[in-house]
Amino acid sequence: MSPHAIFWPFDLGRPTKEKERTRAPVHIADALRVGVLAGDEGCELRLAGHLMACEQCQEPAISLWELLRDGDAPALLGRQYSCLQARNALFRYMEGGCVLETAAAVHLRECVGCVENFLEPAKSLYALIVDESAISAQD
């Protein structure tokens, strides 16, 4: 399956080559993305399965677990992220290689729903691929 691009409304009437340069490449289907951002439980479960099965998503998921497994959450002096903001930052991190913002990392580590849907699959993937001895140590 080849990646597709998000449709930008300002693309109307522009040449195709120019459109391709301005579109953000995405890998996860738009319907799944919108469902996860909206907090739909079925979409969250589908995304967790996708993170485990997709070869393109495995490396960022393992990196996510390695990034968030160690250390305490840093104290935030500024605003905190909602699930919507943290999940959007997670999508950007997973697909575009963007740096995961500190506030998003704190939310992903502390929010029960985000831990279950994103960090637990990443933890399991890490155990299966990187550290097979950790399989028996999982909760």
C-alpha atoms as a PDB file:
ATOM      1  CA  MET A   1       0.000   0.000   0.000  1.00  0.00           C
ATOM      2  CA  SER A   2       1.478   3.329  -0.983  1.00  0.00           C
ATOM      3  CA  PRO A   3       1.133   6.376   1.253  1.00  0.00           C
ATOM      4  CA  HIS A   4      -1.444   8.948   0.286  1.00  0.00           C
ATOM      5  CA  ALA A   5      -1.604  12.650   1.007  1.00  0.00           C
ATOM      6  CA  ILE A   6      -4.101  14.799   2.841  1.00  0.00           C
ATOM      7  CA  PHE A   7      -6.264  16.904   0.535  1.00  0.00           C
ATOM      8  CA  TRP A   8      -5.606  20.574   1.059  1.00  0.00           C
ATOM      9  CA  PRO A   9      -8.538  22.857   0.095  1.00  0.00           C
ATOM     10  CA  PHE A  10      -6.148  25.430  -1.336  1.00  0.00           C
ATOM     11  CA  ASP A  11      -4.982  22.837  -3.903  1.00  0.00           C
ATOM     12  CA  LEU A  12      -7.967  23.536  -6.168  1.00  0.00           C
ATOM     13  CA  GLY A  13      -6.815  24.848  -9.534  1.00  0.00           C
ATOM     14  CA  ARG A  14      -3.111  24.245  -8.896  1.00  0.00           C
ATOM     15  CA  PRO A  15      -0.921  22.063 -11.137  1.00  0.00           C
ATOM     16  CA  THR A  16      -0.476  18.465  -9.975  1.00  0.00           C
ATOM     17  CA  LYS A  17       3.301  18.750  -9.486  1.00  0.00           C
ATOM     18  CA  GLU A  18       2.849  21.775  -7.274  1.00  0.00           C
ATOM     19  CA  LYS A  19       0.111  20.018  -5.275  1.00  0.00           C
ATOM     20  CA  GLU A  20       2.382  17.065  -4.527  1.00  0.00           C
ATOM     21  CA  ARG A  21       5.067  19.349  -3.090  1.00  0.00           C
ATOM     22  CA  THR A  22       2.659  21.041  -0.672  1.00  0.00           C
ATOM     23  CA  ARG A  23       0.805  17.999   0.644  1.00  0.00           C
ATOM     24  CA  ALA A  24       1.816  16.376   3.890  1.00  0.00           C
ATOM     25  CA  PRO A  25       2.581  12.675   3.382  1.00  0.00           C
ATOM     26  CA  VAL A  26       0.499  10.393   5.583  1.00  0.00           C
ATOM     27  CA  HIS A  27       0.497   6.674   6.107  1.00  0.00           C
ATOM     28  CA  ILE A  28      -2.461   6.030   8.392  1.00  0.00           C
ATOM     29  CA  ALA A  29      -5.883   6.232   6.750  1.00  0.00           C
ATOM     30  CA  ASP A  30      -7.786   9.482   7.267  1.00  0.00           C
ATOM     31  CA  ALA A  31     -10.881   7.736   8.668  1.00  0.00           C
ATOM     32  CA  LEU A  32      -8.760   5.916  11.252  1.00  0.00           C
ATOM     33  CA  ARG A  33      -6.906   9.117  12.128  1.00  0.00           C
ATOM     34  CA  VAL A  34     -10.126  11.085  12.633  1.00  0.00           C
ATOM     35  CA  GLY A  35     -11.620   8.292  14.729  1.00  0.00           C
ATOM     36  CA  VAL A  36      -8.561   8.158  16.993  1.00  0.00           C
ATOM     37  CA  LEU A  37      -8.530  11.932  17.373  1.00  0.00           C
ATOM     38  CA  ALA A  38     -12.239  11.809  18.264  1.00  0.00           C
ATOM     39  CA  GLY A  39     -11.618   9.083  20.851  1.00  0.00           C
ATOM     40  CA  ASP A  40     -13.561   6.306  19.076  1.00  0.00           C
ATOM     41  CA  GLU A  41     -12.681   3.069  20.874  1.00  0.00           C
ATOM     42  CA  GLY A  42     -12.895   0.917  17.735  1.00  0.00           C
ATOM     43  CA  CYS A  43     -10.492   3.181  15.860  1.00  0.00           C
ATOM     44  CA  GLU A  44      -8.125   3.248  18.826  1.00  0.00           C
ATOM     45  CA  LEU A  45      -8.026  -0.566  18.825  1.00  0.00           C
ATOM     46  CA  ARG A  46      -7.485  -0.677  15.061  1.00  0.00           C
ATOM     47  CA  LEU A  47      -4.598   1.775  15.384  1.00  0.00           C
ATOM     48  CA  ALA A  48      -3.031  -0.308  18.162  1.00  0.00           C
ATOM     49  CA  GLY A  49      -3.201  -3.339  15.855  1.00  0.00           C
ATOM     50  CA  HIS A  50      -1.792  -1.306  12.994  1.00  0.00           C
ATOM     51  CA  LEU A  51       1.178  -0.202  15.103  1.00  0.00           C
ATOM     52  CA  MET A  52       1.948  -3.839  15.890  1.00  0.00           C
ATOM     53  CA  ALA A  53       1.577  -5.161  12.331  1.00  0.00           C
ATOM     54  CA  CYS A  54       2.846  -2.396  10.039  1.00  0.00           C
ATOM     55  CA  GLU A  55       6.537  -2.586   9.196  1.00  0.00           C
ATOM     56  CA  GLN A  56       6.659   1.149   8.545  1.00  0.00           C
ATOM     57  CA  CYS A  57       5.211   1.963  11.987  1.00  0.00           C
ATOM     58  CA  GLN A  58       7.215  -0.559  14.007  1.00  0.00           C
ATOM     59  CA  GLU A  59      10.414   1.471  14.230  1.00  0.00           C
ATOM     60  CA  PRO A  60       8.698   4.704  15.374  1.00  0.00           C
ATOM     61  CA  ALA A  61       6.601   2.707  17.874  1.00  0.00           C
ATOM     62  CA  ILE A  62       9.719   1.097  19.348  1.00  0.00           C
ATOM     63  CA  SER A  63      11.392   4.520  19.481  1.00  0.00           C
ATOM     64  CA  LEU A  64       8.317   5.895  21.232  1.00  0.00           C
ATOM     65  CA  TRP A  65       8.542   3.224  23.929  1.00  0.00           C
ATOM     66  CA  GLU A  66      12.294   3.788  24.353  1.00  0.00           C
ATOM     67  CA  LEU A  67      11.680   7.527  24.650  1.00  0.00           C
ATOM     68  CA  LEU A  68       8.886   7.276  27.212  1.00  0.00           C
ATOM     69  CA  ARG A  69       9.779   4.184  29.271  1.00  0.00           C
ATOM     70  CA  ASP A  70      12.620   5.686  31.258  1.00  0.00           C
ATOM     71  CA  GLY A  71      12.622   8.518  33.715  1.00  0.00           C
ATOM     72  CA  ASP A  72       9.965  10.532  35.384  1.00  0.00           C
ATOM     73  CA  ALA A  73       7.713  12.905  33.541  1.00  0.00           C
ATOM     74  CA  PRO A  74       9.249  16.383  33.545  1.00  0.00           C
ATOM     75  CA  ALA A  75       7.332  19.091  35.347  1.00  0.00           C
ATOM     76  CA  LEU A  76       5.438  21.306  32.935  1.00  0.00           C
ATOM     77  CA  LEU A  77       5.303  24.991  33.588  1.00  0.00           C
ATOM     78  CA  GLY A  78       3.173  25.777  30.555  1.00  0.00           C
ATOM     79  CA  ARG A  79      -0.060  24.388  29.246  1.00  0.00           C
ATOM     80  CA  GLN A  80      -0.843  20.709  29.318  1.00  0.00           C
ATOM     81  CA  TYR A  81      -2.033  18.737  26.306  1.00  0.00           C
ATOM     82  CA  SER A  82      -5.443  17.188  25.852  1.00  0.00           C
ATOM     83  CA  CYS A  83      -5.819  13.708  24.335  1.00  0.00           C
ATOM     84  CA  LEU A  84      -6.589  15.333  20.981  1.00  0.00           C
ATOM     85  CA  GLN A  85      -3.425  17.428  20.980  1.00  0.00           C
ATOM     86  CA  ALA A  86      -1.219  14.592  22.237  1.00  0.00           C
ATOM     87  CA  ARG A  87      -2.587  12.140  19.664  1.00  0.00           C
ATOM     88  CA  ASN A  88      -2.107  14.652  16.864  1.00  0.00           C
ATOM     89  CA  ALA A  89       1.508  15.144  17.996  1.00  0.00           C
ATOM     90  CA  LEU A  90       1.887  11.352  18.102  1.00  0.00           C
ATOM     91  CA  PHE A  91       0.685  11.029  14.497  1.00  0.00           C
ATOM     92  CA  ARG A  92       3.179  13.680  13.401  1.00  0.00           C
ATOM     93  CA  TYR A  93       5.925  11.853  15.288  1.00  0.00           C
ATOM     94  CA  MET A  94       5.016   8.437  13.872  1.00  0.00           C
ATOM     95  CA  GLU A  95       4.639   9.501  10.252  1.00  0.00           C
ATOM     96  CA  GLY A  96       6.879  12.453   9.767  1.00  0.00           C
ATOM     97  CA  GLY A  97       9.731  11.911  12.137  1.00  0.00           C
ATOM     98  CA  CYS A  98       8.913  15.134  14.001  1.00  0.00           C
ATOM     99  CA  VAL A  99      10.211  15.508  17.528  1.00  0.00           C
ATOM    100  CA  LEU A 100       7.623  14.541  20.121  1.00  0.00           C
ATOM    101  CA  GLU A 101       6.882  17.631  22.167  1.00  0.00           C
ATOM    102  CA  THR A 102       7.441  17.411  25.918  1.00  0.00           C
ATOM    103  CA  ALA A 103       3.824  18.206  26.783  1.00  0.00           C
ATOM    104  CA  ALA A 104       2.628  15.461  24.422  1.00  0.00           C
ATOM    105  CA  ALA A 105       5.098  12.976  25.926  1.00  0.00           C
ATOM    106  CA  VAL A 106       3.909  13.801  29.446  1.00  0.00           C
ATOM    107  CA  HIS A 107       0.280  13.326  28.414  1.00  0.00           C
ATOM    108  CA  LEU A 108       0.999  10.016  26.647  1.00  0.00           C
ATOM    109  CA  ARG A 109       2.754   8.742  29.763  1.00  0.00           C
ATOM    110  CA  GLU A 110       0.083   9.867  32.253  1.00  0.00           C
ATOM    111  CA  CYS A 111      -3.260   9.406  30.441  1.00  0.00           C
ATOM    112  CA  VAL A 112      -4.695   5.941  31.063  1.00  0.00           C
ATOM    113  CA  GLY A 113      -6.429   5.790  27.661  1.00  0.00           C
ATOM    114  CA  CYS A 114      -3.330   6.866  25.753  1.00  0.00           C
ATOM    115  CA  VAL A 115      -1.124   4.439  27.685  1.00  0.00           C
ATOM    116  CA  GLU A 116      -3.454   1.527  26.848  1.00  0.00           C
ATOM    117  CA  ASN A 117      -3.811   2.431  23.175  1.00  0.00           C
ATOM    118  CA  PHE A 118      -0.333   3.642  22.246  1.00  0.00           C
ATOM    119  CA  LEU A 119       2.318   2.832  24.850  1.00  0.00           C
ATOM    120  CA  GLU A 120       1.211  -0.727  25.619  1.00  0.00           C
ATOM    121  CA  PRO A 121       1.379  -1.802  21.937  1.00  0.00           C
ATOM    122  CA  ALA A 122       4.760  -0.058  21.655  1.00  0.00           C
ATOM    123  CA  LYS A 123       5.956  -1.850  24.798  1.00  0.00           C
ATOM    124  CA  SER A 124       4.801  -5.212  23.441  1.00  0.00           C
ATOM    125  CA  LEU A 125       6.436  -4.562  20.088  1.00  0.00           C
ATOM    126  CA  TYR A 126       9.682  -3.615  21.826  1.00  0.00           C
ATOM    127  CA  ALA A 127       9.574  -6.864  23.801  1.00  0.00           C
ATOM    128  CA  LEU A 128       8.890  -8.978  20.706  1.00  0.00           C
ATOM    129  CA  ILE A 129      11.454  -7.420  18.411  1.00  0.00           C
ATOM    130  CA  VAL A 130      14.199  -5.847  20.498  1.00  0.00           C
ATOM    131  CA  ASP A 131      14.278  -7.494  23.910  1.00  0.00           C
ATOM    132  CA  GLU A 132      12.770 -10.961  23.827  1.00  0.00           C
ATOM    133  CA  SER A 133      13.778 -11.562  27.443  1.00  0.00           C
ATOM    134  CA  ALA A 134      11.369  -8.775  28.434  1.00  0.00           C
ATOM    135  CA  ILE A 135       8.344 -10.805  27.282  1.00  0.00           C
ATOM    136  CA  SER A 136       8.239 -12.745  30.528  1.00  0.00           C
ATOM    137  CA  ALA A 137       8.652  -9.530  32.523  1.00  0.00           C
ATOM    138  CA  GLN A 138       5.570  -7.816  31.065  1.00  0.00           C
ATOM    139  CA  ASP A 139       2.631  -7.196  33.364  1.00  0.00           C
END
